[in-house]
């Protein structure tokens, strides 16, 4: 099979990171890139993902919710369907 060269531009930090990652896997960077390219062509889509990390604001809210759940504060009463209807009538 004939090979050709595909050049891409990336920042130096990314280059080092992919080289280190490839070394951890024990394969050249070209193996990783070829696998990704073939996957994209086979599926006709690009899948980009990252681990989701909550923002500091969301962490603060989640901590407050856990605290409220433990203390029973700011918790809305649950209703059966009929109780909810009666509750609405009184509004």
N, C-alpha and C. Protein backbone atom coordinates (compact mmCIF):
# COMPACT_ATOMS: atom_id res chain seq x y z
N UNK A 1 0.85 -1.17 0.00
CA UNK A 1 0.00 0.00 0.00
C UNK A 1 0.90 1.24 0.00
N UNK A 2 0.58 2.16 -0.88
CA UNK A 2 1.32 3.42 -0.97
C UNK A 2 0.92 4.32 0.18
N UNK A 3 1.87 5.00 0.74
CA UNK A 3 1.61 5.94 1.84
C UNK A 3 1.85 7.36 1.35
N UNK A 4 1.17 8.31 1.95
CA UNK A 4 1.37 9.72 1.67
C UNK A 4 1.44 10.47 2.98
N UNK A 5 1.91 11.67 2.93
CA UNK A 5 2.08 12.46 4.15
C UNK A 5 0.94 13.47 4.25
N UNK A 6 0.36 13.58 5.43
CA UNK A 6 -0.68 14.55 5.73
C UNK A 6 -0.14 15.43 6.84
N UNK A 7 0.05 16.70 6.58
CA UNK A 7 0.55 17.63 7.59
C UNK A 7 -0.60 18.35 8.25
N UNK A 8 -0.55 18.48 9.55
CA UNK A 8 -1.54 19.27 10.28
C UNK A 8 -0.81 20.28 11.15
N UNK A 9 -1.48 21.35 11.46
CA UNK A 9 -0.91 22.36 12.35
C UNK A 9 -1.59 22.25 13.71
N UNK A 10 -0.78 22.27 14.73
CA UNK A 10 -1.29 22.25 16.10
C UNK A 10 -0.30 23.01 16.97
N UNK A 11 -0.70 23.33 18.16
CA UNK A 11 0.21 24.05 19.05
C UNK A 11 1.21 23.07 19.65
N UNK A 12 2.37 23.56 20.07
CA UNK A 12 3.42 22.67 20.59
C UNK A 12 2.97 21.81 21.77
N UNK A 13 2.14 22.36 22.66
CA UNK A 13 1.69 21.61 23.83
C UNK A 13 0.86 20.40 23.39
N UNK A 14 -0.05 20.60 22.43
CA UNK A 14 -0.88 19.51 21.94
C UNK A 14 -0.02 18.43 21.29
N UNK A 15 0.99 18.85 20.56
CA UNK A 15 1.89 17.90 19.90
C UNK A 15 2.57 17.01 20.94
N UNK A 16 3.08 17.63 21.98
CA UNK A 16 3.75 16.86 23.04
C UNK A 16 2.77 15.93 23.72
N UNK A 17 1.55 16.41 24.00
CA UNK A 17 0.55 15.59 24.68
C UNK A 17 0.17 14.36 23.85
N UNK A 18 -0.03 14.55 22.52
CA UNK A 18 -0.41 13.40 21.70
C UNK A 18 0.77 12.43 21.57
N UNK A 19 1.97 12.95 21.52
CA UNK A 19 3.14 12.07 21.47
C UNK A 19 3.26 11.25 22.76
N UNK A 20 3.03 11.90 23.89
CA UNK A 20 3.09 11.18 25.17
C UNK A 20 1.98 10.14 25.27
N UNK A 21 0.79 10.50 24.81
CA UNK A 21 -0.35 9.57 24.83
C UNK A 21 -0.07 8.37 23.94
N UNK A 22 0.44 8.63 22.75
CA UNK A 22 0.78 7.54 21.83
C UNK A 22 1.84 6.63 22.45
N UNK A 23 2.83 7.22 23.11
CA UNK A 23 3.87 6.44 23.76
C UNK A 23 3.29 5.56 24.86
N UNK A 24 2.33 6.09 25.62
CA UNK A 24 1.66 5.29 26.66
C UNK A 24 0.96 4.08 26.05
N UNK A 25 0.37 4.28 24.86
CA UNK A 25 -0.31 3.19 24.18
C UNK A 25 0.66 2.27 23.46
N UNK A 26 1.88 2.75 23.25
CA UNK A 26 2.89 1.94 22.56
C UNK A 26 2.72 1.93 21.05
N UNK A 27 2.16 3.01 20.52
CA UNK A 27 1.98 3.12 19.06
C UNK A 27 2.44 4.49 18.60
N UNK A 28 2.77 4.62 17.31
CA UNK A 28 3.11 5.93 16.79
C UNK A 28 1.87 6.83 16.70
N UNK A 29 2.08 8.12 16.68
CA UNK A 29 0.98 9.08 16.55
C UNK A 29 0.20 8.80 15.27
N UNK A 30 0.89 8.41 14.21
CA UNK A 30 0.22 8.17 12.93
C UNK A 30 -0.83 7.06 13.04
N UNK A 31 -0.61 6.07 13.88
CA UNK A 31 -1.59 5.00 14.07
C UNK A 31 -2.87 5.58 14.69
N UNK A 32 -2.71 6.43 15.69
CA UNK A 32 -3.88 7.05 16.33
C UNK A 32 -4.62 7.93 15.34
N UNK A 33 -3.90 8.75 14.60
CA UNK A 33 -4.53 9.67 13.67
C UNK A 33 -5.21 8.91 12.53
N UNK A 34 -4.57 7.87 12.00
CA UNK A 34 -5.19 7.08 10.94
C UNK A 34 -6.45 6.39 11.43
N UNK A 35 -6.43 5.88 12.66
CA UNK A 35 -7.61 5.23 13.22
C UNK A 35 -8.76 6.23 13.33
N UNK A 36 -8.46 7.44 13.80
CA UNK A 36 -9.49 8.47 13.93
C UNK A 36 -10.06 8.86 12.56
N UNK A 37 -9.18 9.05 11.60
CA UNK A 37 -9.62 9.44 10.26
C UNK A 37 -10.50 8.35 9.65
N UNK A 38 -10.08 7.11 9.77
CA UNK A 38 -10.87 6.00 9.21
C UNK A 38 -12.23 5.88 9.90
N UNK A 39 -12.26 6.10 11.21
CA UNK A 39 -13.52 6.07 11.95
C UNK A 39 -14.47 7.16 11.45
N UNK A 40 -13.94 8.36 11.27
CA UNK A 40 -14.76 9.47 10.77
C UNK A 40 -15.31 9.16 9.38
N UNK A 41 -14.48 8.63 8.52
CA UNK A 41 -14.91 8.32 7.15
C UNK A 41 -15.93 7.18 7.13
N UNK A 42 -15.72 6.18 7.96
CA UNK A 42 -16.64 5.03 8.02
C UNK A 42 -18.01 5.46 8.54
N UNK A 43 -18.02 6.25 9.62
CA UNK A 43 -19.27 6.67 10.25
C UNK A 43 -19.88 7.92 9.61
N UNK A 44 -19.09 8.62 8.83
CA UNK A 44 -19.51 9.87 8.21
C UNK A 44 -19.93 10.89 9.26
N UNK A 45 -19.23 10.88 10.38
CA UNK A 45 -19.48 11.87 11.43
C UNK A 45 -18.22 12.04 12.26
N UNK A 46 -18.17 13.14 12.98
CA UNK A 46 -17.06 13.42 13.88
C UNK A 46 -17.63 13.42 15.29
N UNK A 47 -17.03 12.65 16.16
CA UNK A 47 -17.47 12.59 17.55
C UNK A 47 -16.41 13.27 18.41
N UNK A 48 -16.80 14.37 19.00
CA UNK A 48 -15.91 15.10 19.90
C UNK A 48 -16.51 15.01 21.29
N UNK A 49 -15.72 14.56 22.22
CA UNK A 49 -16.25 14.45 23.58
C UNK A 49 -15.16 14.78 24.58
N UNK A 50 -15.62 15.11 25.74
CA UNK A 50 -14.73 15.37 26.86
C UNK A 50 -15.48 15.00 28.12
N UNK A 51 -14.74 14.76 29.16
CA UNK A 51 -15.42 14.48 30.42
C UNK A 51 -16.08 15.75 30.90
N UNK A 52 -17.30 15.63 31.32
CA UNK A 52 -18.02 16.79 31.81
C UNK A 52 -17.58 17.10 33.23
N UNK A 53 -17.27 18.35 33.46
CA UNK A 53 -16.88 18.78 34.80
C UNK A 53 -17.79 19.93 35.19
N UNK A 54 -18.37 19.85 36.37
CA UNK A 54 -19.24 20.95 36.80
C UNK A 54 -18.44 22.22 37.06
N UNK A 55 -19.07 23.35 36.78
CA UNK A 55 -18.43 24.64 37.06
C UNK A 55 -18.44 24.88 38.57
N UNK A 56 -17.59 25.78 39.04
CA UNK A 56 -17.62 26.10 40.48
C UNK A 56 -19.01 26.55 40.94
N UNK A 57 -19.72 27.29 40.09
CA UNK A 57 -21.07 27.74 40.44
C UNK A 57 -22.00 26.55 40.63
N UNK A 58 -21.94 25.57 39.71
CA UNK A 58 -22.79 24.39 39.82
C UNK A 58 -22.42 23.57 41.05
N UNK A 59 -21.15 23.45 41.34
CA UNK A 59 -20.71 22.71 42.54
C UNK A 59 -21.30 23.36 43.79
N UNK A 60 -21.29 24.70 43.83
CA UNK A 60 -21.86 25.43 44.97
C UNK A 60 -23.35 25.11 45.12
N UNK A 61 -24.07 25.12 44.00
CA UNK A 61 -25.50 24.83 44.04
C UNK A 61 -25.74 23.39 44.48
N UNK A 62 -24.97 22.44 43.96
CA UNK A 62 -25.15 21.03 44.33
C UNK A 62 -24.86 20.82 45.81
N UNK A 63 -23.83 21.50 46.32
CA UNK A 63 -23.53 21.40 47.75
C UNK A 63 -24.69 21.93 48.59
N UNK A 64 -25.29 23.04 48.15
CA UNK A 64 -26.43 23.61 48.88
C UNK A 64 -27.62 22.67 48.84
N UNK A 65 -27.86 22.04 47.70
CA UNK A 65 -28.97 21.09 47.58
C UNK A 65 -28.77 19.91 48.52
N UNK A 66 -27.55 19.37 48.56
CA UNK A 66 -27.27 18.26 49.48
C UNK A 66 -27.50 18.67 50.93
N UNK A 67 -27.06 19.88 51.27
CA UNK A 67 -27.26 20.39 52.63
C UNK A 67 -28.76 20.53 52.93
N UNK A 68 -29.50 21.09 51.97
CA UNK A 68 -30.95 21.26 52.16
C UNK A 68 -31.65 19.91 52.30
N UNK A 69 -31.24 18.93 51.50
CA UNK A 69 -31.85 17.60 51.60
C UNK A 69 -31.63 16.98 52.98
N UNK A 70 -30.42 17.15 53.51
CA UNK A 70 -30.11 16.58 54.82
C UNK A 70 -30.89 17.26 55.94
N UNK A 71 -31.10 18.57 55.80
CA UNK A 71 -31.78 19.31 56.86
C UNK A 71 -33.28 19.45 56.62
N UNK A 72 -33.75 19.05 55.43
CA UNK A 72 -35.16 19.15 55.11
C UNK A 72 -35.59 20.57 54.76
N UNK A 73 -34.64 21.44 54.51
CA UNK A 73 -34.92 22.84 54.21
C UNK A 73 -35.13 23.01 52.70
N UNK A 74 -36.03 23.91 52.32
CA UNK A 74 -36.30 24.23 50.91
C UNK A 74 -36.75 23.02 50.10
N UNK A 75 -37.44 22.11 50.75
CA UNK A 75 -37.93 20.91 50.08
C UNK A 75 -39.43 21.06 49.87
N UNK A 76 -39.88 20.91 48.65
CA UNK A 76 -41.29 21.03 48.33
C UNK A 76 -42.00 19.72 48.66
N UNK A 77 -43.17 19.84 49.24
CA UNK A 77 -43.96 18.67 49.57
C UNK A 77 -44.43 18.00 48.29
N UNK A 78 -44.42 16.68 48.28
CA UNK A 78 -44.96 15.96 47.12
C UNK A 78 -46.43 15.67 47.36
N UNK A 79 -47.18 15.64 46.29
CA UNK A 79 -48.62 15.42 46.37
C UNK A 79 -49.00 14.22 45.52
N UNK A 80 -50.08 13.54 45.94
CA UNK A 80 -50.68 12.57 45.04
C UNK A 80 -51.42 13.39 43.99
N UNK A 81 -51.88 12.78 42.94
CA UNK A 81 -52.57 13.52 41.89
C UNK A 81 -53.79 14.25 42.43
N UNK A 82 -54.57 13.59 43.26
CA UNK A 82 -55.78 14.23 43.76
C UNK A 82 -55.43 15.34 44.75
N UNK A 83 -54.43 15.14 45.56
CA UNK A 83 -54.02 16.19 46.49
C UNK A 83 -53.55 17.42 45.74
N UNK A 84 -52.83 17.21 44.65
CA UNK A 84 -52.33 18.32 43.85
C UNK A 84 -53.48 19.12 43.26
N UNK A 85 -54.50 18.43 42.82
CA UNK A 85 -55.65 19.12 42.24
C UNK A 85 -56.38 19.94 43.29
N UNK A 86 -56.53 19.38 44.49
CA UNK A 86 -57.19 20.12 45.56
C UNK A 86 -56.35 21.35 45.93
N UNK A 87 -55.06 21.19 45.93
CA UNK A 87 -54.15 22.28 46.24
C UNK A 87 -54.30 23.41 45.21
N UNK A 88 -54.46 23.06 43.95
CA UNK A 88 -54.62 24.07 42.91
C UNK A 88 -55.94 24.82 43.04
N UNK A 89 -56.97 24.12 43.49
CA UNK A 89 -58.26 24.76 43.65
C UNK A 89 -58.21 25.88 44.69
N UNK A 90 -57.33 25.73 45.67
CA UNK A 90 -57.28 26.73 46.74
C UNK A 90 -56.45 27.96 46.34
N UNK A 91 -55.84 27.93 45.19
CA UNK A 91 -55.02 29.07 44.77
C UNK A 91 -55.83 30.19 44.27
